[in-house]
N, C-alpha and C. Protein backbone atom coordinates (compact mmCIF):
# COMPACT_ATOMS: atom_id res chain seq x y z
N MET A 1 129.96 103.71 88.44
CA MET A 1 129.22 102.61 89.03
C MET A 1 128.19 102.10 88.01
N ALA A 2 128.17 100.83 87.83
CA ALA A 2 127.21 100.24 86.88
C ALA A 2 125.87 100.02 87.57
N TYR A 3 124.83 100.30 86.84
CA TYR A 3 123.47 100.08 87.30
C TYR A 3 122.88 98.90 86.56
N SER A 4 121.86 98.30 87.16
CA SER A 4 121.02 97.33 86.47
C SER A 4 119.58 97.63 86.87
N ILE A 5 118.66 97.03 86.15
CA ILE A 5 117.23 97.23 86.41
C ILE A 5 116.60 95.88 86.64
N LYS A 6 115.78 95.79 87.69
CA LYS A 6 114.97 94.60 87.93
C LYS A 6 113.52 95.03 87.95
N ILE A 7 112.68 94.33 87.20
CA ILE A 7 111.26 94.65 87.15
C ILE A 7 110.49 93.46 87.69
N SER A 8 109.67 93.70 88.70
CA SER A 8 108.80 92.69 89.26
C SER A 8 107.40 92.92 88.70
N LEU A 9 106.94 91.96 87.87
CA LEU A 9 105.61 92.10 87.28
C LEU A 9 104.52 91.99 88.35
N SER A 10 104.67 91.07 89.29
CA SER A 10 103.64 90.89 90.31
C SER A 10 103.53 92.10 91.24
N GLN A 11 104.67 92.73 91.52
CA GLN A 11 104.66 93.92 92.38
C GLN A 11 104.41 95.20 91.57
N ARG A 12 104.50 95.07 90.24
CA ARG A 12 104.39 96.24 89.36
C ARG A 12 105.37 97.33 89.83
N LEU A 13 106.64 96.90 89.91
CA LEU A 13 107.68 97.76 90.45
C LEU A 13 108.95 97.61 89.63
N LEU A 14 109.56 98.73 89.27
CA LEU A 14 110.87 98.75 88.62
C LEU A 14 111.87 99.21 89.66
N MET A 15 112.91 98.41 89.85
CA MET A 15 113.95 98.74 90.82
C MET A 15 115.26 99.03 90.09
N LEU A 16 115.84 100.15 90.39
CA LEU A 16 117.15 100.51 89.87
C LEU A 16 118.17 100.01 90.88
N ILE A 17 119.03 99.11 90.44
CA ILE A 17 119.99 98.45 91.33
C ILE A 17 121.38 99.03 91.10
N ARG A 18 122.05 99.35 92.20
CA ARG A 18 123.44 99.84 92.14
C ARG A 18 124.22 99.10 93.20
N ASP A 19 125.26 98.43 92.79
CA ASP A 19 126.11 97.67 93.72
C ASP A 19 125.29 96.71 94.58
N GLY A 20 124.31 96.06 93.96
CA GLY A 20 123.52 95.06 94.67
C GLY A 20 122.41 95.60 95.55
N ASN A 21 122.29 96.91 95.63
CA ASN A 21 121.26 97.54 96.47
C ASN A 21 120.26 98.31 95.63
N ILE A 22 119.04 98.41 96.11
CA ILE A 22 118.02 99.19 95.41
C ILE A 22 118.31 100.68 95.63
N ALA A 23 118.66 101.36 94.54
CA ALA A 23 118.95 102.79 94.60
C ALA A 23 117.67 103.61 94.46
N ARG A 24 116.74 103.13 93.66
CA ARG A 24 115.44 103.78 93.43
C ARG A 24 114.43 102.69 93.10
N ALA A 25 113.17 102.98 93.37
CA ALA A 25 112.08 102.08 92.98
C ALA A 25 110.94 102.92 92.44
N TYR A 26 110.33 102.45 91.36
CA TYR A 26 109.28 103.20 90.68
C TYR A 26 108.09 102.29 90.41
N PRO A 27 106.87 102.79 90.60
CA PRO A 27 105.69 102.02 90.21
C PRO A 27 105.59 101.98 88.68
N VAL A 28 105.11 100.85 88.15
CA VAL A 28 105.00 100.70 86.70
C VAL A 28 103.67 100.04 86.33
N GLY A 29 103.31 100.20 85.07
CA GLY A 29 102.24 99.44 84.46
C GLY A 29 102.87 98.35 83.61
N VAL A 30 102.22 97.22 83.51
CA VAL A 30 102.78 96.07 82.78
C VAL A 30 101.76 95.56 81.76
N GLY A 31 102.16 94.54 81.03
CA GLY A 31 101.30 93.97 80.00
C GLY A 31 100.06 93.31 80.56
N LYS A 32 98.97 93.43 79.79
CA LYS A 32 97.74 92.73 80.18
C LYS A 32 97.89 91.25 79.85
N SER A 33 96.97 90.42 80.33
CA SER A 33 97.14 88.97 80.20
C SER A 33 97.26 88.53 78.74
N ALA A 34 96.53 89.13 77.85
CA ALA A 34 96.59 88.74 76.43
C ALA A 34 97.89 89.16 75.76
N THR A 35 98.54 90.18 76.31
CA THR A 35 99.80 90.68 75.76
C THR A 35 100.78 90.88 76.91
N ALA A 36 101.07 89.80 77.60
CA ALA A 36 101.89 89.85 78.81
C ALA A 36 103.31 90.32 78.53
N THR A 37 103.87 91.01 79.51
CA THR A 37 105.27 91.42 79.45
C THR A 37 106.14 90.17 79.54
N PRO A 38 107.08 90.00 78.62
CA PRO A 38 107.92 88.80 78.67
C PRO A 38 108.94 88.86 79.81
N THR A 39 109.09 87.74 80.51
CA THR A 39 110.12 87.66 81.54
C THR A 39 111.44 87.29 80.87
N GLY A 40 112.54 87.57 81.56
CA GLY A 40 113.85 87.21 81.04
C GLY A 40 114.87 88.30 81.27
N ARG A 41 116.02 88.11 80.63
CA ARG A 41 117.15 89.05 80.74
C ARG A 41 117.31 89.79 79.43
N TYR A 42 117.37 91.10 79.53
CA TYR A 42 117.46 91.96 78.35
C TYR A 42 118.49 93.06 78.61
N ASN A 43 118.69 93.91 77.61
CA ASN A 43 119.53 95.08 77.74
C ASN A 43 118.84 96.26 77.08
N ILE A 44 119.13 97.45 77.58
CA ILE A 44 118.66 98.66 76.93
C ILE A 44 119.53 98.89 75.70
N ILE A 45 118.89 99.02 74.54
CA ILE A 45 119.68 99.18 73.30
C ILE A 45 119.53 100.55 72.67
N ASN A 46 118.53 101.34 73.11
CA ASN A 46 118.42 102.71 72.58
C ASN A 46 117.57 103.56 73.50
N LYS A 47 117.71 104.86 73.33
CA LYS A 47 116.92 105.85 74.06
C LYS A 47 116.34 106.82 73.05
N ALA A 48 115.07 107.16 73.22
CA ALA A 48 114.45 108.19 72.37
C ALA A 48 113.67 109.13 73.27
N TYR A 49 113.97 110.41 73.15
CA TYR A 49 113.27 111.42 73.93
C TYR A 49 112.12 111.99 73.11
N ASN A 50 110.97 112.17 73.77
CA ASN A 50 109.76 112.66 73.11
C ASN A 50 109.44 111.86 71.85
N PRO A 51 109.26 110.52 72.00
CA PRO A 51 109.04 109.68 70.83
C PRO A 51 107.67 109.84 70.19
N GLY A 52 106.76 110.52 70.85
CA GLY A 52 105.43 110.72 70.29
C GLY A 52 104.50 109.56 70.61
N GLY A 53 103.24 109.73 70.22
CA GLY A 53 102.25 108.69 70.47
C GLY A 53 102.04 108.44 71.95
N PRO A 54 101.75 107.19 72.31
CA PRO A 54 101.44 106.87 73.70
C PRO A 54 102.68 106.63 74.57
N TYR A 55 103.87 106.93 74.06
CA TYR A 55 105.10 106.54 74.74
C TYR A 55 105.65 107.57 75.71
N GLY A 56 104.91 108.64 75.94
CA GLY A 56 105.32 109.61 76.94
C GLY A 56 106.61 110.33 76.59
N ALA A 57 107.36 110.67 77.63
CA ALA A 57 108.53 111.53 77.49
C ALA A 57 109.77 110.82 76.97
N VAL A 58 109.90 109.52 77.27
CA VAL A 58 111.12 108.79 76.90
C VAL A 58 110.77 107.34 76.55
N TRP A 59 111.49 106.80 75.57
CA TRP A 59 111.43 105.39 75.21
C TRP A 59 112.82 104.80 75.45
N LEU A 60 112.88 103.73 76.25
CA LEU A 60 114.12 102.97 76.44
C LEU A 60 113.88 101.60 75.81
N GLY A 61 114.42 101.40 74.62
CA GLY A 61 114.18 100.17 73.88
C GLY A 61 115.00 99.01 74.41
N LEU A 62 114.37 97.83 74.45
CA LEU A 62 115.06 96.62 74.88
C LEU A 62 115.47 95.80 73.67
N ASN A 63 116.40 94.87 73.87
CA ASN A 63 116.84 94.00 72.77
C ASN A 63 115.86 92.85 72.56
N GLN A 64 114.62 93.08 72.87
CA GLN A 64 113.49 92.21 72.54
C GLN A 64 112.63 93.07 71.62
N PRO A 65 112.58 92.77 70.32
CA PRO A 65 111.90 93.67 69.38
C PRO A 65 110.50 94.07 69.84
N HIS A 66 110.22 95.35 69.72
CA HIS A 66 108.92 95.96 70.01
C HIS A 66 108.64 96.13 71.50
N TYR A 67 109.61 95.87 72.37
CA TYR A 67 109.41 96.01 73.81
C TYR A 67 110.35 97.07 74.36
N GLY A 68 109.84 97.79 75.36
CA GLY A 68 110.67 98.80 75.99
C GLY A 68 110.07 99.27 77.30
N ILE A 69 110.81 100.17 77.91
CA ILE A 69 110.38 100.89 79.11
C ILE A 69 110.09 102.30 78.64
N HIS A 70 108.91 102.82 78.94
CA HIS A 70 108.58 104.15 78.42
C HIS A 70 107.63 104.90 79.32
N GLY A 71 107.53 106.18 79.08
CA GLY A 71 106.56 107.01 79.78
C GLY A 71 105.17 106.72 79.25
N THR A 72 104.21 107.51 79.70
CA THR A 72 102.84 107.31 79.24
C THR A 72 102.09 108.63 79.21
N ASN A 73 101.15 108.70 78.28
CA ASN A 73 100.25 109.86 78.25
C ASN A 73 98.98 109.56 79.05
N ASN A 74 98.98 108.42 79.77
CA ASN A 74 97.85 108.01 80.60
C ASN A 74 98.37 107.59 81.98
N PRO A 75 98.70 108.55 82.85
CA PRO A 75 99.31 108.20 84.13
C PRO A 75 98.43 107.31 85.02
N SER A 76 97.12 107.31 84.80
CA SER A 76 96.26 106.45 85.62
C SER A 76 96.49 104.97 85.34
N SER A 77 97.21 104.65 84.26
CA SER A 77 97.49 103.25 83.94
C SER A 77 98.64 102.67 84.77
N ILE A 78 99.40 103.51 85.44
CA ILE A 78 100.51 103.03 86.25
C ILE A 78 99.95 102.19 87.40
N GLY A 79 100.54 101.02 87.59
CA GLY A 79 100.08 100.11 88.63
C GLY A 79 99.16 99.03 88.11
N GLY A 80 98.74 99.15 86.85
CA GLY A 80 97.83 98.17 86.28
C GLY A 80 98.50 97.24 85.29
N ALA A 81 97.75 96.23 84.88
CA ALA A 81 98.17 95.34 83.80
C ALA A 81 97.40 95.79 82.57
N VAL A 82 97.99 96.72 81.82
CA VAL A 82 97.23 97.47 80.81
C VAL A 82 97.92 97.60 79.46
N SER A 83 99.20 97.27 79.36
CA SER A 83 99.93 97.56 78.13
C SER A 83 99.93 96.37 77.18
N LYS A 84 100.55 96.57 76.04
CA LYS A 84 100.73 95.49 75.07
C LYS A 84 102.05 94.76 75.31
N GLY A 85 102.54 94.85 76.54
CA GLY A 85 103.75 94.13 76.92
C GLY A 85 104.88 95.01 77.40
N CYS A 86 104.82 96.30 77.07
CA CYS A 86 105.86 97.21 77.52
C CYS A 86 105.70 97.55 79.00
N ILE A 87 106.74 98.15 79.54
CA ILE A 87 106.73 98.64 80.92
C ILE A 87 106.45 100.13 80.86
N ARG A 88 105.35 100.56 81.46
CA ARG A 88 104.98 101.98 81.48
C ARG A 88 105.40 102.61 82.80
N MET A 89 105.90 103.84 82.71
CA MET A 89 106.29 104.60 83.90
C MET A 89 105.69 105.99 83.82
N ASN A 90 105.58 106.63 84.98
CA ASN A 90 105.23 108.05 84.98
C ASN A 90 106.33 108.80 84.23
N ASN A 91 105.96 109.84 83.51
CA ASN A 91 106.95 110.57 82.71
C ASN A 91 108.09 111.10 83.55
N ARG A 92 107.80 111.67 84.71
CA ARG A 92 108.89 112.22 85.54
C ARG A 92 109.86 111.11 85.96
N ASP A 93 109.32 109.89 86.21
CA ASP A 93 110.17 108.77 86.63
C ASP A 93 111.03 108.26 85.48
N VAL A 94 110.46 108.12 84.29
CA VAL A 94 111.24 107.60 83.17
C VAL A 94 112.29 108.62 82.72
N ILE A 95 112.00 109.90 82.88
CA ILE A 95 113.02 110.93 82.58
C ILE A 95 114.20 110.78 83.55
N GLU A 96 113.90 110.60 84.83
CA GLU A 96 114.97 110.40 85.82
C GLU A 96 115.75 109.13 85.52
N LEU A 97 115.04 108.03 85.25
CA LEU A 97 115.70 106.77 84.96
C LEU A 97 116.62 106.89 83.74
N ALA A 98 116.12 107.51 82.68
CA ALA A 98 116.91 107.66 81.45
C ALA A 98 118.16 108.49 81.67
N SER A 99 118.11 109.42 82.63
CA SER A 99 119.29 110.25 82.90
C SER A 99 120.36 109.48 83.67
N ILE A 100 119.98 108.37 84.28
CA ILE A 100 120.91 107.58 85.11
C ILE A 100 121.50 106.40 84.35
N VAL A 101 120.66 105.67 83.62
CA VAL A 101 121.13 104.43 82.99
C VAL A 101 121.72 104.68 81.61
N ALA A 102 122.63 103.81 81.24
CA ALA A 102 123.32 103.91 79.94
C ALA A 102 122.79 102.85 78.99
N ILE A 103 123.04 103.06 77.70
CA ILE A 103 122.80 102.02 76.71
C ILE A 103 123.61 100.80 77.16
N GLY A 104 123.02 99.63 77.09
CA GLY A 104 123.70 98.42 77.53
C GLY A 104 123.30 97.97 78.92
N THR A 105 122.60 98.82 79.66
CA THR A 105 122.18 98.46 81.03
C THR A 105 121.35 97.18 80.99
N SER A 106 121.65 96.28 81.92
CA SER A 106 120.95 95.01 82.05
C SER A 106 119.57 95.23 82.66
N VAL A 107 118.57 94.53 82.08
CA VAL A 107 117.20 94.59 82.58
C VAL A 107 116.72 93.16 82.80
N ILE A 108 116.35 92.85 84.02
CA ILE A 108 115.81 91.53 84.35
C ILE A 108 114.35 91.69 84.69
N ILE A 109 113.49 90.94 84.00
CA ILE A 109 112.05 91.00 84.26
C ILE A 109 111.62 89.66 84.83
N VAL A 110 111.04 89.72 86.04
CA VAL A 110 110.59 88.51 86.74
C VAL A 110 109.11 88.60 87.04
N ASN A 111 108.50 87.45 87.27
CA ASN A 111 107.10 87.47 87.66
C ASN A 111 106.97 88.07 89.04
């Protein structure tokens, strides 16, 4: 079964979609106004486990250079507009997400 991801910036929510239905939903942190998360259609192009720095447990890179979905070493930032444009998730959530989605998974980011 193919999955896709929809991210609502206004709701600060990442939804894992399977067969048109929400299979899982996770709270996220998004870009602050000066470095807003770009809306549009993307794909996951790589996965890195334990990437170091502020990226938490997993980095899921998008085909938009320098943007991705990743964990965080600051869980209190989840739910806020705090990043430089990336989508931040709790480490346990991004680990689960990375175990489900494949390289090539579609990611749609909407306001």
